[in-house]
Structures are given as C-alpha cells and as structure tokens.
C-alpha cells in the first residue's frame, strides 16, 4: 500500500543508491562549498532568469507577498535568496558554509538587497521548532532528505512551505560522464527527486501544489579550474590520489577546447508548495 511509510522508506532507499566507497561528512561538504563559493555565485548570476521565473510563479500563486518573512534553508550563495528578497520583506539565508554566506552578502550588496537579507550560519535542525516565518523555503538541498526534516519545515512555518527538487535525473553532462568514467556506472540522483516529498505530503493530507520548470544552461570554465573542482568533488566520495587525479585530468583535457571546458546542464525541477497550517478533511 502506498501510504506514508511506503514513501518514507522509498525515499530512504533512494538515499543509499550511491555505490561509492564513502560519502563525505558534513564538514567535508562544508569545506567543498566554502572552496567553490565564488563559482556558484557566478553561475547563479548566469542562471538568474530561471530562478526569477520560479519566484515569479510563487508570487503569482500568492505563496509569497511583499510582506512575507522567509527562511531559505541551505541558501548557498543566494540562488533563490536574492530573487526572494526582491519580492518579500525579509529573507533569512541559512547555510553552514561561511564562504557561501559571504558571497551571499556580497551579491546582496551588489543588488541593493542587503537590508532585506539576514545571513545565518547554523545547522537548520538546531532551530527551535516554532512557527517563526511566514514561508519556509528550501531548494535542492540535502538538508531536507527524510520524513522528519520535511515535517520540521511545517513546524517553522506560520503559513506556507516550499521545496524545490529535481523531477527525474539531474543532467550535468561532464559530471555524469566523469562519474561513469571513474565509478564504472552512471550516477543515481533519485534521492533528490521531488516525487518522495510530494507523495509523503499528499499521504499526510497537506494537498501539495506542484509546478515544473525545464531549463538548459552552459557554463564555461578553465581546464585548470575544472580539474581542481572535480578532484575536490570526487574526493568526497572516497576517490583520491595520483591515479584518480590523472584520470580526471585526462578526461577533462580531452574535452577541453583552448584550455576551457563547457558544462552542459539540462534538467527539470519541481517546485512544490503547501499550506503548513492546513490539511484536507477526510470524509467518513
């Protein structure tokens, strides 16, 4: 029977589909995000139209208003924090990576949004379970990865919650091909699929709303930088040392044109929102 337990167990199973030697600790991932915070800020600028479209859609649906206070969990360098701040009264951008928050503040100053953004360097699970925000928002973050973390979003919201995840696989061409080159199998992305939280919320009678956005993007980076990035990335999965570095270098060098590599993103995201303070009525 496809009840809450079914979808909770399915989500947990999807989280363990990575067949890798190890998975980096929270501290390992924080170091990675801190190291490449500037890269993500620059990519956010390039891809801003899709993020603006998502926030415009939420505004049109009445999910956010000019008077809303928002908690953005795992905000990074401001992917959604910045467009949210342009449409609401106040956004608390929460992240455990200090350099990501530093880039967020820099980008906020650049856009004249400093007064509307409050950075918060902490683990969101340590926040008191009380409704302190009008909207609780999270996008493509490992912070929301099971039933308990999903339900905590409800505890922090006075009204609405919004979760952005992938609809199907996340297609990053270089990363996918390099993963298969190093691991021998294609990567699994099911743990971030929006189907799991959607179905859990539906089973819990929250009547979630969902909208899909597809987009393509090309990012161009120097070969040296891409080697550094992917060497650090695969170290998180236990692949490191001279042999791994040589494989990554050779693979990227063969794809480079005039010492630059192009990363192609082709994916669909699902934007899920629901009323945290309202459930459907079951008729007997």
Protein backbone atom coordinates (compact mmCIF):
# COMPACT_ATOMS: atom_id res chain seq x y z
CA UNK A 1 0.00 0.00 0.00
CA UNK A 2 1.39 3.42 -0.98
CA UNK A 3 0.97 5.10 2.40
CA UNK A 4 3.30 7.48 4.25
CA UNK A 5 5.57 4.64 5.38
CA UNK A 6 5.89 3.35 1.82
CA UNK A 7 7.10 6.72 0.51
CA UNK A 8 9.29 7.37 3.56
CA UNK A 9 11.02 4.02 3.10
CA UNK A 10 11.33 4.57 -0.66
CA UNK A 11 12.99 7.95 -0.05
CA UNK A 12 15.42 6.41 2.42
CA UNK A 13 16.24 3.64 -0.04
CA UNK A 14 16.92 6.22 -2.77
CA UNK A 15 19.39 7.97 -0.49
CA UNK A 16 21.51 4.82 -0.34
CA UNK A 17 21.66 4.08 -4.04
CA UNK A 18 25.14 5.60 -4.39
CA UNK A 19 27.53 2.68 -4.76
CA UNK A 20 30.65 4.57 -3.65
CA UNK A 21 33.49 3.88 -1.24
CA UNK A 22 32.28 6.57 1.13
CA UNK A 23 30.20 9.73 1.29
CA UNK A 24 31.68 12.93 2.68
CA UNK A 25 30.81 14.14 6.16
CA UNK A 26 29.01 17.42 6.81
CA UNK A 27 32.40 19.01 7.49
CA UNK A 28 33.81 17.67 4.20
CA UNK A 29 30.90 19.14 2.26
CA UNK A 30 31.17 22.47 4.09
CA UNK A 31 34.82 22.69 3.08
CA UNK A 32 33.90 21.91 -0.53
CA UNK A 33 31.18 24.59 -0.65
CA UNK A 34 33.45 27.12 1.03
CA UNK A 35 36.20 26.44 -1.52
CA UNK A 36 33.93 26.93 -4.54
CA UNK A 37 31.51 29.56 -3.23
CA UNK A 38 32.60 32.13 -5.81
CA UNK A 39 31.97 29.69 -8.66
CA UNK A 40 28.40 29.14 -7.50
CA UNK A 41 27.79 32.86 -7.14
CA UNK A 42 28.93 33.43 -10.73
CA UNK A 43 26.78 30.58 -12.02
CA UNK A 44 23.80 31.97 -10.09
CA UNK A 45 24.20 35.26 -11.96
CA UNK A 46 24.24 33.48 -15.32
CA UNK A 47 21.21 31.32 -14.50
CA UNK A 48 19.22 34.04 -12.75
CA UNK A 49 16.34 34.01 -15.30
CA UNK A 50 15.19 30.51 -14.28
CA UNK A 51 15.37 31.36 -10.57
CA UNK A 52 13.46 34.58 -11.18
CA UNK A 53 10.80 32.59 -13.06
CA UNK A 54 10.34 30.24 -10.10
CA UNK A 55 9.92 33.11 -7.65
CA UNK A 56 7.61 34.98 -10.02
CA UNK A 57 5.47 31.86 -10.16
CA UNK A 58 5.31 31.66 -6.36
CA UNK A 59 4.33 35.33 -6.20
CA UNK A 60 1.60 34.81 -8.80
CA UNK A 61 0.22 31.91 -6.75
CA UNK A 62 0.21 34.02 -3.59
CA UNK A 63 2.81 31.85 -1.88
CA UNK A 64 4.95 34.92 -1.20
CA UNK A 65 3.90 38.55 -0.82
CA UNK A 66 5.73 41.85 -0.28
CA UNK A 67 5.05 41.38 3.44
CA UNK A 68 6.39 37.82 3.79
CA UNK A 69 9.26 36.80 6.03
CA UNK A 70 11.11 33.82 4.57
CA UNK A 71 13.58 31.22 5.82
CA UNK A 72 15.76 29.91 2.96
CA UNK A 73 17.34 26.63 4.15
CA UNK A 74 20.69 25.84 2.51
CA UNK A 75 20.72 29.16 0.71
CA UNK A 76 24.25 28.88 -0.65
CA UNK A 77 25.48 31.99 -2.45
CA UNK A 78 21.91 33.25 -2.87
CA UNK A 79 20.48 31.10 -5.68
CA UNK A 80 16.92 31.80 -4.57
CA UNK A 81 17.60 34.12 -1.63
CA UNK A 82 18.26 37.08 -3.90
CA UNK A 83 15.12 36.79 -6.07
CA UNK A 84 13.09 36.05 -2.91
CA UNK A 85 14.43 39.18 -1.24
CA UNK A 86 13.40 41.26 -4.25
CA UNK A 87 9.78 40.12 -3.73
CA UNK A 88 9.41 39.91 0.07
CA UNK A 89 10.04 41.88 3.25
CA UNK A 90 12.84 39.80 4.79
CA UNK A 91 14.74 36.61 3.95
CA UNK A 92 16.90 34.71 6.42
CA UNK A 93 19.53 32.93 4.36
CA UNK A 94 20.67 29.89 6.35
CA UNK A 95 23.76 27.88 5.46
CA UNK A 96 26.56 26.02 7.26
CA UNK A 97 29.23 27.17 4.77
CA UNK A 98 30.63 30.54 5.85
CA UNK A 99 32.04 31.46 2.45
CA UNK A 100 28.69 30.81 0.80
CA UNK A 101 27.14 33.32 3.19
CA UNK A 102 29.97 35.76 2.50
CA UNK A 103 29.22 35.52 -1.23
CA UNK A 104 25.51 35.95 -0.49
CA UNK A 105 26.24 39.19 1.37
CA UNK A 106 28.45 40.40 -1.45
CA UNK A 107 25.79 39.64 -4.06
CA UNK A 108 23.10 41.26 -1.88
CA UNK A 109 25.17 44.45 -1.65
CA UNK A 110 25.66 44.40 -5.42
CA UNK A 111 21.88 44.22 -5.94
CA UNK A 112 20.95 46.68 -3.19
CA UNK A 113 19.22 43.99 -1.12
CA UNK A 114 21.40 43.98 1.99
CA UNK A 115 18.67 45.35 4.25
CA UNK A 116 16.29 42.53 3.24
CA UNK A 117 18.67 39.59 3.78
CA UNK A 118 19.82 38.23 7.15
CA UNK A 119 22.57 35.56 6.85
CA UNK A 120 22.50 32.80 9.45
CA UNK A 121 25.44 30.39 9.82
CA UNK A 122 23.98 27.34 11.55
CA UNK A 123 22.51 23.88 11.04
CA UNK A 124 18.81 24.41 10.47
CA UNK A 125 17.92 21.32 12.52
CA UNK A 126 19.14 23.24 15.56
CA UNK A 127 16.48 25.93 15.11
CA UNK A 128 13.66 25.85 17.70
CA UNK A 129 10.58 24.02 16.40
CA UNK A 130 8.31 27.06 16.44
CA UNK A 131 6.50 28.99 13.67
CA UNK A 132 8.87 31.92 13.22
CA UNK A 133 8.49 32.56 9.45
CA UNK A 134 5.64 33.15 7.03
CA UNK A 135 7.34 30.99 4.41
CA UNK A 136 9.88 28.20 4.89
CA UNK A 137 11.76 27.55 1.65
CA UNK A 138 14.41 25.01 0.58
CA UNK A 139 15.84 24.19 -2.83
CA UNK A 140 17.98 21.25 -3.96
CA UNK A 141 19.48 20.76 -0.54
CA UNK A 142 20.46 17.64 1.39
CA UNK A 143 19.05 19.37 4.49
CA UNK A 144 15.59 18.06 3.53
CA UNK A 145 16.19 14.37 2.99
CA UNK A 146 13.66 12.39 5.02
CA UNK A 147 10.25 12.45 6.70
CA UNK A 148 11.44 14.18 9.88
CA UNK A 149 13.27 17.03 8.13
CA UNK A 150 10.30 17.54 5.80
CA UNK A 151 7.90 17.76 8.74
CA UNK A 152 10.17 20.21 10.57
CA UNK A 153 9.61 22.66 7.73
CA UNK A 154 5.95 22.69 8.81
CA UNK A 155 6.90 23.39 12.43
CA UNK A 156 8.87 26.52 11.47
CA UNK A 157 6.20 27.99 9.18
CA UNK A 158 3.28 30.22 10.10
CA UNK A 159 1.66 29.55 6.75
CA UNK A 160 3.41 28.13 3.69
CA UNK A 161 6.33 25.80 2.91
CA UNK A 162 8.07 25.45 -0.44
CA UNK A 163 10.51 22.78 -1.55
CA UNK A 164 12.35 22.70 -4.89
CA UNK A 165 13.73 19.38 -6.11
CA UNK A 166 14.51 17.54 -9.31
CA UNK A 167 11.87 15.92 -11.50
CA UNK A 168 13.78 12.86 -12.59
CA UNK A 169 17.54 12.92 -13.03
CA UNK A 170 19.75 15.99 -12.82
CA UNK A 171 21.63 16.10 -16.12
CA UNK A 172 25.10 17.62 -15.80
CA UNK A 173 26.89 16.19 -18.83
CA UNK A 174 30.52 16.45 -17.72
CA UNK A 175 29.76 15.28 -14.18
CA UNK A 176 27.68 12.35 -15.42
CA UNK A 177 30.29 11.17 -17.92
CA UNK A 178 33.15 11.67 -15.47
CA UNK A 179 31.26 9.78 -12.76
CA UNK A 180 30.77 6.85 -15.11
CA UNK A 181 34.44 7.06 -16.16
CA UNK A 182 35.62 6.83 -12.55
CA UNK A 183 32.91 4.67 -10.97
CA UNK A 184 32.06 2.38 -13.86
CA UNK A 185 28.30 3.07 -13.58
CA UNK A 186 26.08 6.11 -14.23
CA UNK A 187 25.28 8.26 -11.16
CA UNK A 188 21.98 7.92 -9.31
CA UNK A 189 20.08 11.12 -8.46
CA UNK A 190 16.87 9.63 -7.10
CA UNK A 191 17.45 10.94 -3.57
CA UNK A 192 16.68 14.47 -4.77
CA UNK A 193 13.57 13.56 -6.75
CA UNK A 194 10.54 15.67 -5.80
CA UNK A 195 8.23 12.63 -6.01
CA UNK A 196 9.11 11.48 -2.47
CA UNK A 197 8.23 14.63 -0.52
CA UNK A 198 5.21 15.22 -2.77
CA UNK A 199 3.73 11.82 -2.02
CA UNK A 200 4.53 11.98 1.70
CA UNK A 201 2.77 15.33 1.96
CA UNK A 202 -0.19 14.01 0.00
CA UNK A 203 -0.47 10.98 2.27
CA UNK A 204 -0.29 13.34 5.27
CA UNK A 205 -3.23 15.30 3.77
CA UNK A 206 -1.38 18.58 3.08
CA UNK A 207 -2.66 18.76 -0.55
CA UNK A 208 0.64 19.94 -2.10
CA UNK A 209 0.77 22.05 -5.26
CA UNK A 210 3.48 21.44 -7.85
CA UNK A 211 4.77 23.19 -10.96
CA UNK A 212 7.59 22.10 -13.26
CA UNK A 213 10.31 24.16 -14.94
CA UNK A 214 12.74 22.81 -17.55
CA UNK A 215 15.92 24.61 -18.50
CA UNK A 216 19.25 24.27 -20.28
CA UNK A 217 22.42 26.10 -19.33
CA UNK A 218 26.07 26.14 -20.40
CA UNK A 219 28.88 27.08 -18.06
CA UNK A 220 32.40 27.67 -19.36
CA UNK A 221 35.37 27.26 -17.01
CA UNK A 222 39.13 26.97 -17.42
CA UNK A 223 40.55 23.46 -17.62
CA UNK A 224 42.70 24.10 -14.54
CA UNK A 225 39.70 25.18 -12.51
CA UNK A 226 37.57 22.23 -13.63
CA UNK A 227 40.32 19.80 -12.66
CA UNK A 228 40.51 21.39 -9.21
CA UNK A 229 36.72 21.33 -8.84
CA UNK A 230 36.20 17.71 -9.82
CA UNK A 231 39.25 16.46 -7.95
CA UNK A 232 37.75 18.01 -4.81
CA UNK A 233 34.26 16.76 -5.67
CA UNK A 234 35.20 13.10 -6.13
CA UNK A 235 37.35 13.18 -3.02
CA UNK A 236 34.06 13.49 -1.15
CA UNK A 237 33.16 10.04 -2.47
CA UNK A 238 36.45 8.43 -1.46
CA UNK A 239 38.19 8.74 -4.83
CA UNK A 240 41.54 10.47 -4.45
CA UNK A 241 45.25 10.05 -5.07
CA UNK A 242 47.54 10.33 -8.11
CA UNK A 243 45.66 7.74 -10.18
CA UNK A 244 42.30 9.43 -9.70
CA UNK A 245 43.76 12.88 -10.38
CA UNK A 246 45.35 11.57 -13.58
CA UNK A 247 42.05 10.08 -14.75
CA UNK A 248 40.17 13.32 -14.07
CA UNK A 249 42.85 15.42 -15.74
CA UNK A 250 42.99 13.22 -18.82
CA UNK A 251 39.22 13.06 -19.19
CA UNK A 252 38.75 16.83 -18.91
CA UNK A 253 41.77 17.62 -21.09
CA UNK A 254 40.29 15.50 -23.89
CA UNK A 255 37.07 17.56 -23.73
CA UNK A 256 38.75 20.95 -23.42
CA UNK A 257 38.89 23.49 -26.25
CA UNK A 258 41.65 26.09 -25.96
CA UNK A 259 42.07 25.22 -22.26
CA UNK A 260 38.37 25.71 -21.46
CA UNK A 261 35.71 23.14 -20.59
CA UNK A 262 31.96 23.52 -21.09
CA UNK A 263 29.49 22.10 -18.58
CA UNK A 264 26.02 21.49 -20.04
CA UNK A 265 23.05 21.37 -17.67
CA UNK A 266 19.74 20.04 -19.00
CA UNK A 267 17.16 19.31 -16.33
CA UNK A 268 13.67 19.77 -14.93
CA UNK A 269 12.86 20.92 -11.43
CA UNK A 270 9.65 20.55 -9.48
CA UNK A 271 8.52 23.48 -7.30
CA UNK A 272 6.37 22.09 -4.51
CA UNK A 273 4.40 24.23 -2.05
CA UNK A 274 1.76 23.59 0.56
CA UNK A 275 -0.06 25.16 3.49
CA UNK A 276 1.69 24.03 6.67
CA UNK A 277 -1.30 25.14 8.75
CA UNK A 278 -3.98 23.37 6.74
CA UNK A 279 -4.83 19.75 5.97
CA UNK A 280 -7.63 18.25 3.92
CA UNK A 281 -10.68 16.83 5.71
CA UNK A 282 -11.28 13.11 5.44
CA UNK A 283 -14.97 12.39 4.91
CA UNK A 284 -16.22 9.26 6.62
